[in-house]
Amino acid sequence: MNRDATHERSTPTYTMGYGPEFQKMLERRNVAVCAAHLLPHLKPGMRLLDLGCGPGTISVGLADAVAPGALHGIDMEVSQIEMASAAATAGGHGKAVFQVGDATDLPFEDAFFDVAHCHALLNHAPDTQAVLAEVKRVLKPGGLFSAREVFGDSSFIEPARDLGGITGDTVWATFLKLLAANGGHPQMGRELKAAFVEAGFADVRASASFETYDTADDLEFLRGLIIGWFFSPLTMEATMKLGLATQEQFERWSRSLDAWMDEPGAFAGFAWGEAIGWKP
């Protein structure tokens, strides 16, 4: 098989898409929350790769942490690179460079980076080991790789009803099935340490954290995200085409979501696994 055919087959379908509601969620992410496990290991002057950089909201914080070192951001979507570049320019990050790229075929020479980072990338990459092999290739000996990925079976929406359960006829269970159907890995957060070890990284350290939604503003944001993305025509069509849900189920889930917002005990949390490993 030629290289172009291999690339086409390995390119994932990004389950979350790039709609406005999901963009709002990306914009809420920042380095203090999403890369807290990595920050103590960063030093000025390092050269850092941010894989799946999205709109750059985490990237600019990483750029600050390694300044005057350089940050290179890679994403497969042109619109995300444009936003990340604009954010870096607005923030005065002159050594932050962003380009379209494939995590399984990185446009960098061997042993180019001191650090590589990704957030919510491996959840969506069909071939985990292909990504890790490329990361390892572009890291210097002794270089550090950090990842943070969600794991679905420890995430929750309460009161669960037909929204938050991880099995059966629920919104969350259906989302996890959709992610898997697109070649993703719904439990990658808890599988990170094993994946790093399999790829040959040394002294791998793992941790976990929660992203919670508790305040009225948080809950309203989460409701808007679910409506704007999960109940969008595109997602509904893909889910029904795969036989994962029916129109009637979506209608029932929508009513349940409205009722959930009125629950005094409404609360949601999404579980994230983190891992750090070093190239021998």
Protein backbone atom coordinates (compact mmCIF):
# COMPACT_ATOMS: atom_id res chain seq x y z
CA MET A 1 0.00 0.00 0.00
CA ASN A 2 1.39 3.41 -0.91
CA ARG A 3 1.93 6.18 1.63
CA ASP A 4 -1.05 8.27 0.48
CA ALA A 5 -3.41 5.32 0.87
CA THR A 6 -2.02 4.54 4.31
CA HIS A 7 -2.47 8.15 5.38
CA GLU A 8 -6.05 8.23 4.13
CA ARG A 9 -6.93 5.08 6.05
CA SER A 10 -5.33 6.29 9.29
CA THR A 11 -6.90 9.75 9.31
CA PRO A 12 -9.59 9.76 12.03
CA THR A 13 -13.09 11.16 11.85
CA TYR A 14 -13.13 13.75 14.64
CA THR A 15 -16.20 12.81 16.67
CA MET A 16 -16.65 16.25 18.24
CA GLY A 17 -16.58 18.22 14.99
CA TYR A 18 -15.91 21.96 14.93
CA GLY A 19 -19.32 23.51 15.62
CA PRO A 20 -19.77 26.71 17.66
CA GLU A 21 -20.84 25.01 20.90
CA PHE A 22 -17.82 22.72 20.92
CA GLN A 23 -15.59 25.68 20.10
CA LYS A 24 -16.87 27.36 23.26
CA MET A 25 -15.75 24.35 25.28
CA LEU A 26 -12.30 24.43 23.71
CA GLU A 27 -12.03 28.12 24.58
CA ARG A 28 -12.67 27.28 28.27
CA ARG A 29 -9.57 25.11 28.40
CA ASN A 30 -6.32 26.55 29.74
CA VAL A 31 -2.89 25.39 30.77
CA ALA A 32 -3.44 25.75 34.53
CA VAL A 33 -6.28 23.21 34.50
CA CYS A 34 -5.51 21.01 31.51
CA ALA A 35 -1.74 20.70 31.89
CA ALA A 36 -1.28 21.09 35.63
CA HIS A 37 0.49 17.69 35.72
CA LEU A 38 3.00 18.91 33.11
CA LEU A 39 3.78 22.46 34.26
CA PRO A 40 6.28 21.51 37.03
CA HIS A 41 8.44 19.80 34.40
CA LEU A 42 8.66 22.75 32.00
CA LYS A 43 11.65 25.08 31.95
CA PRO A 44 12.49 28.28 30.04
CA GLY A 45 14.19 27.64 26.73
CA MET A 46 12.62 24.26 26.00
CA ARG A 47 11.31 23.45 22.53
CA LEU A 48 7.77 22.08 22.89
CA LEU A 49 5.35 20.33 20.51
CA ASP A 50 1.60 20.67 21.13
CA LEU A 51 -0.26 17.91 19.26
CA GLY A 52 -3.92 18.54 18.42
CA CYS A 53 -3.52 22.12 19.58
CA GLY A 54 -7.05 23.20 18.61
CA PRO A 55 -7.61 26.96 18.94
CA GLY A 56 -4.46 27.36 21.02
CA THR A 57 -5.99 28.12 24.42
CA ILE A 58 -3.67 25.61 26.11
CA SER A 59 -0.81 26.25 23.69
CA VAL A 60 -0.33 29.89 24.63
CA GLY A 61 0.05 28.94 28.28
CA LEU A 62 2.60 26.29 27.37
CA ALA A 63 4.42 28.90 25.28
CA ASP A 64 4.64 31.15 28.33
CA ALA A 65 6.04 28.29 30.42
CA VAL A 66 8.92 27.55 28.02
CA ALA A 67 9.68 31.11 26.87
CA PRO A 68 12.08 32.12 25.39
CA GLY A 69 11.90 28.61 23.93
CA ALA A 70 9.74 27.81 20.92
CA LEU A 71 6.32 26.14 20.74
CA HIS A 72 5.10 24.31 17.64
CA GLY A 73 1.39 23.52 17.42
CA ILE A 74 -0.07 20.87 15.11
CA ASP A 75 -3.73 20.24 14.27
CA MET A 76 -5.44 18.49 11.36
CA GLU A 77 -8.05 21.25 10.95
CA VAL A 78 -7.18 24.50 9.15
CA SER A 79 -9.70 26.59 11.09
CA GLN A 80 -8.12 25.57 14.40
CA ILE A 81 -4.65 26.53 13.21
CA GLU A 82 -5.94 29.93 12.10
CA MET A 83 -7.45 30.57 15.54
CA ALA A 84 -4.35 29.35 17.36
CA SER A 85 -2.12 31.58 15.24
CA ALA A 86 -4.37 34.58 15.93
CA ALA A 87 -4.33 33.86 19.68
CA ALA A 88 -0.53 33.62 19.69
CA THR A 89 -0.19 36.88 17.78
CA ALA A 90 -2.63 38.68 20.07
CA GLY A 91 -0.75 37.43 23.12
CA GLY A 92 2.68 38.41 21.80
CA HIS A 93 3.90 34.82 21.50
CA GLY A 94 6.42 35.39 18.74
CA LYS A 95 7.97 31.93 19.07
CA ALA A 96 4.68 30.03 18.85
CA VAL A 97 4.23 28.55 15.37
CA PHE A 98 1.16 26.60 14.24
CA GLN A 99 0.65 24.43 11.18
CA VAL A 100 -1.70 21.80 9.80
CA GLY A 101 -0.32 18.33 10.36
CA ASP A 102 -0.97 14.66 11.05
CA ALA A 103 0.00 13.23 14.44
CA THR A 104 1.06 9.98 12.76
CA ASP A 105 3.31 11.73 10.23
CA LEU A 106 4.90 14.72 11.94
CA PRO A 107 6.76 17.26 9.77
CA PHE A 108 9.79 17.44 12.05
CA GLU A 109 13.22 15.84 12.07
CA ASP A 110 14.26 13.23 14.60
CA ALA A 111 15.13 14.35 18.14
CA PHE A 112 13.82 17.89 17.55
CA PHE A 113 11.80 18.53 20.75
CA ASP A 114 12.45 18.59 24.48
CA VAL A 115 8.76 18.11 25.30
CA ALA A 116 5.61 16.92 23.52
CA HIS A 117 2.09 17.46 24.83
CA CYS A 118 -1.42 16.46 23.83
CA HIS A 119 -4.85 16.98 25.35
CA ALA A 120 -7.90 14.99 24.17
CA LEU A 121 -6.06 13.74 21.10
CA LEU A 122 -5.48 10.04 21.74
CA ASN A 123 -9.19 9.56 22.53
CA HIS A 124 -9.82 10.24 18.83
CA ALA A 125 -6.74 8.71 17.15
CA PRO A 126 -7.50 5.19 15.84
CA ASP A 127 -3.88 4.00 16.02
CA THR A 128 -2.55 5.00 19.44
CA GLN A 129 0.83 3.36 18.99
CA ALA A 130 1.39 5.06 15.63
CA VAL A 131 0.99 8.45 17.32
CA LEU A 132 3.25 7.49 20.23
CA ALA A 133 5.92 6.18 17.85
CA GLU A 134 5.99 9.51 16.00
CA VAL A 135 6.13 11.45 19.26
CA LYS A 136 9.01 9.30 20.43
CA ARG A 137 10.82 9.84 17.13
CA VAL A 138 10.72 13.64 17.33
CA LEU A 139 11.70 13.78 21.01
CA LYS A 140 15.31 14.13 22.06
CA PRO A 141 16.75 11.36 24.26
CA GLY A 142 15.52 12.21 27.74
CA GLY A 143 12.62 14.17 26.23
CA LEU A 144 9.24 14.23 27.94
CA PHE A 145 5.79 13.30 26.62
CA SER A 146 2.59 14.31 28.42
CA ALA A 147 -1.00 13.36 27.60
CA ARG A 148 -4.40 14.01 29.20
CA GLU A 149 -7.39 12.02 27.94
CA VAL A 150 -10.94 11.41 29.11
CA PHE A 151 -12.19 8.04 30.35
CA GLY A 152 -15.88 7.59 29.92
CA ASP A 153 -16.81 4.98 32.48
CA SER A 154 -15.86 7.22 35.43
CA SER A 155 -17.58 10.34 34.08
CA PHE A 156 -21.09 11.12 35.25
CA ILE A 157 -24.19 13.28 35.01
CA GLU A 158 -26.39 13.29 38.12
CA PRO A 159 -29.23 12.65 38.64
CA ALA A 160 -28.38 10.19 35.86
CA ARG A 161 -31.78 8.99 34.64
CA ASP A 162 -31.33 8.51 30.91
CA LEU A 163 -28.57 11.10 30.57
CA GLY A 164 -25.48 9.97 32.44
CA GLY A 165 -25.37 6.19 32.78
CA ILE A 166 -22.45 4.43 31.09
CA THR A 167 -24.53 1.48 29.90
CA GLY A 168 -27.91 1.09 28.30
CA ASP A 169 -30.09 3.72 26.67
CA THR A 170 -28.46 6.96 27.84
CA VAL A 171 -26.94 10.05 26.22
CA TRP A 172 -23.49 9.39 27.67
CA ALA A 173 -23.42 5.70 26.78
CA THR A 174 -24.48 6.55 23.23
CA PHE A 175 -21.76 9.18 22.93
CA LEU A 176 -19.14 6.63 24.03
CA LYS A 177 -20.41 4.18 21.41
CA LEU A 178 -20.26 6.90 18.75
CA LEU A 179 -16.68 7.72 19.72
CA ALA A 180 -15.71 4.05 19.44
CA ALA A 181 -17.53 3.72 16.10
CA ASN A 182 -15.38 6.57 14.76
CA GLY A 183 -12.22 4.67 15.67
CA GLY A 184 -11.73 6.41 19.02
CA HIS A 185 -10.94 5.11 22.50
CA PRO A 186 -13.56 6.09 25.12
CA GLN A 187 -11.44 4.81 28.03
CA MET A 188 -8.05 6.10 26.88
CA GLY A 189 -7.55 8.18 30.02
CA ARG A 190 -7.23 5.09 32.19
CA GLU A 191 -5.23 3.22 29.51
CA LEU A 192 -2.53 5.88 29.12
CA LYS A 193 0.09 4.38 31.41
CA ALA A 194 -0.08 0.99 29.68
CA ALA A 195 0.04 2.65 26.25
CA PHE A 196 3.12 4.69 27.22
CA VAL A 197 4.88 1.60 28.56
CA GLU A 198 4.04 -0.37 25.41
CA ALA A 199 5.52 2.45 23.30
CA GLY A 200 8.80 2.26 25.20
CA PHE A 201 8.60 5.39 27.36
CA ALA A 202 10.43 5.17 30.68
CA ASP A 203 9.55 6.17 34.26
CA VAL A 204 5.89 6.60 33.30
CA ARG A 205 3.80 8.43 35.88
CA ALA A 206 0.01 8.43 35.85
CA SER A 207 -2.63 10.53 37.60
CA ALA A 208 -6.30 11.46 37.27
CA SER A 209 -8.52 14.50 37.73
CA PHE A 210 -12.12 15.65 37.25
CA GLU A 211 -13.62 18.49 35.26
CA THR A 212 -16.79 19.40 37.16
CA TYR A 213 -19.95 21.33 36.35
CA ASP A 214 -21.77 22.60 39.43
CA THR A 215 -22.67 26.30 39.26
CA ALA A 216 -25.69 27.59 37.37
CA ASP A 217 -23.43 29.05 34.69
CA ASP A 218 -21.53 25.77 34.34
CA LEU A 219 -24.71 23.74 34.04
CA GLU A 220 -26.20 26.11 31.50
CA PHE A 221 -22.99 25.92 29.48
CA LEU A 222 -23.02 22.10 29.58
CA ARG A 223 -26.66 22.00 28.55
CA GLY A 224 -25.88 24.31 25.62
CA LEU A 225 -22.95 22.10 24.62
CA ILE A 226 -25.07 18.95 24.64
CA ILE A 227 -27.88 20.62 22.70
CA GLY A 228 -25.58 22.36 20.25
CA TRP A 229 -23.44 19.31 19.54
CA PHE A 230 -25.13 16.02 20.51
CA PHE A 231 -28.54 17.20 19.31
CA SER A 232 -27.20 18.86 16.18
CA PRO A 233 -28.56 17.49 12.88
CA LEU A 234 -25.10 16.27 11.89
CA THR A 235 -24.51 14.26 15.07
CA MET A 236 -28.05 12.93 15.17
CA GLU A 237 -27.81 11.79 11.57
CA ALA A 238 -24.48 10.04 12.17
CA THR A 239 -25.74 8.38 15.35
CA MET A 240 -28.95 7.13 13.73
CA LYS A 241 -27.11 5.98 10.60
CA LEU A 242 -24.92 3.79 12.79
CA GLY A 243 -28.00 2.37 14.52
CA LEU A 244 -27.00 3.76 17.90
CA ALA A 245 -30.22 5.72 18.52
CA THR A 246 -33.59 6.62 17.04
CA GLN A 247 -35.36 9.92 16.53
CA GLU A 248 -37.70 9.00 19.39
CA GLN A 249 -34.74 8.49 21.72
CA PHE A 250 -33.30 11.89 20.85
CA GLU A 251 -36.68 13.50 21.58
CA ARG A 252 -36.90 11.75 24.96
CA TRP A 253 -33.32 12.67 25.83
CA SER A 254 -34.01 16.30 24.99
CA ARG A 255 -36.93 16.38 27.42
CA SER A 256 -34.80 14.72 30.09
CA LEU A 257 -32.06 17.30 29.62
CA ASP A 258 -34.54 20.15 30.14
CA ALA A 259 -35.84 18.47 33.32
CA TRP A 260 -32.28 17.89 34.57
CA MET A 261 -31.55 21.61 34.51
CA ASP A 262 -34.33 22.16 37.04
CA GLU A 263 -32.93 19.56 39.45
CA PRO A 264 -31.52 21.17 42.64
CA GLY A 265 -28.90 18.40 42.76
CA ALA A 266 -27.79 18.66 39.13
CA PHE A 267 -24.08 17.94 38.89
CA ALA A 268 -21.71 16.55 36.25
CA GLY A 269 -18.10 15.50 36.18
CA PHE A 270 -15.82 14.25 33.44
CA ALA A 271 -12.88 12.05 34.37
CA TRP A 272 -9.45 12.63 32.87
CA GLY A 273 -6.38 10.43 33.03
CA GLU A 274 -2.93 11.95 32.74
CA ALA A 275 0.44 10.37 32.01
CA ILE A 276 4.00 11.57 31.67
CA GLY A 277 6.85 9.49 30.29
CA TRP A 278 10.44 10.01 29.18
CA LYS A 279 12.20 8.86 26.01
CA PRO A 280 15.14 6.64 27.07
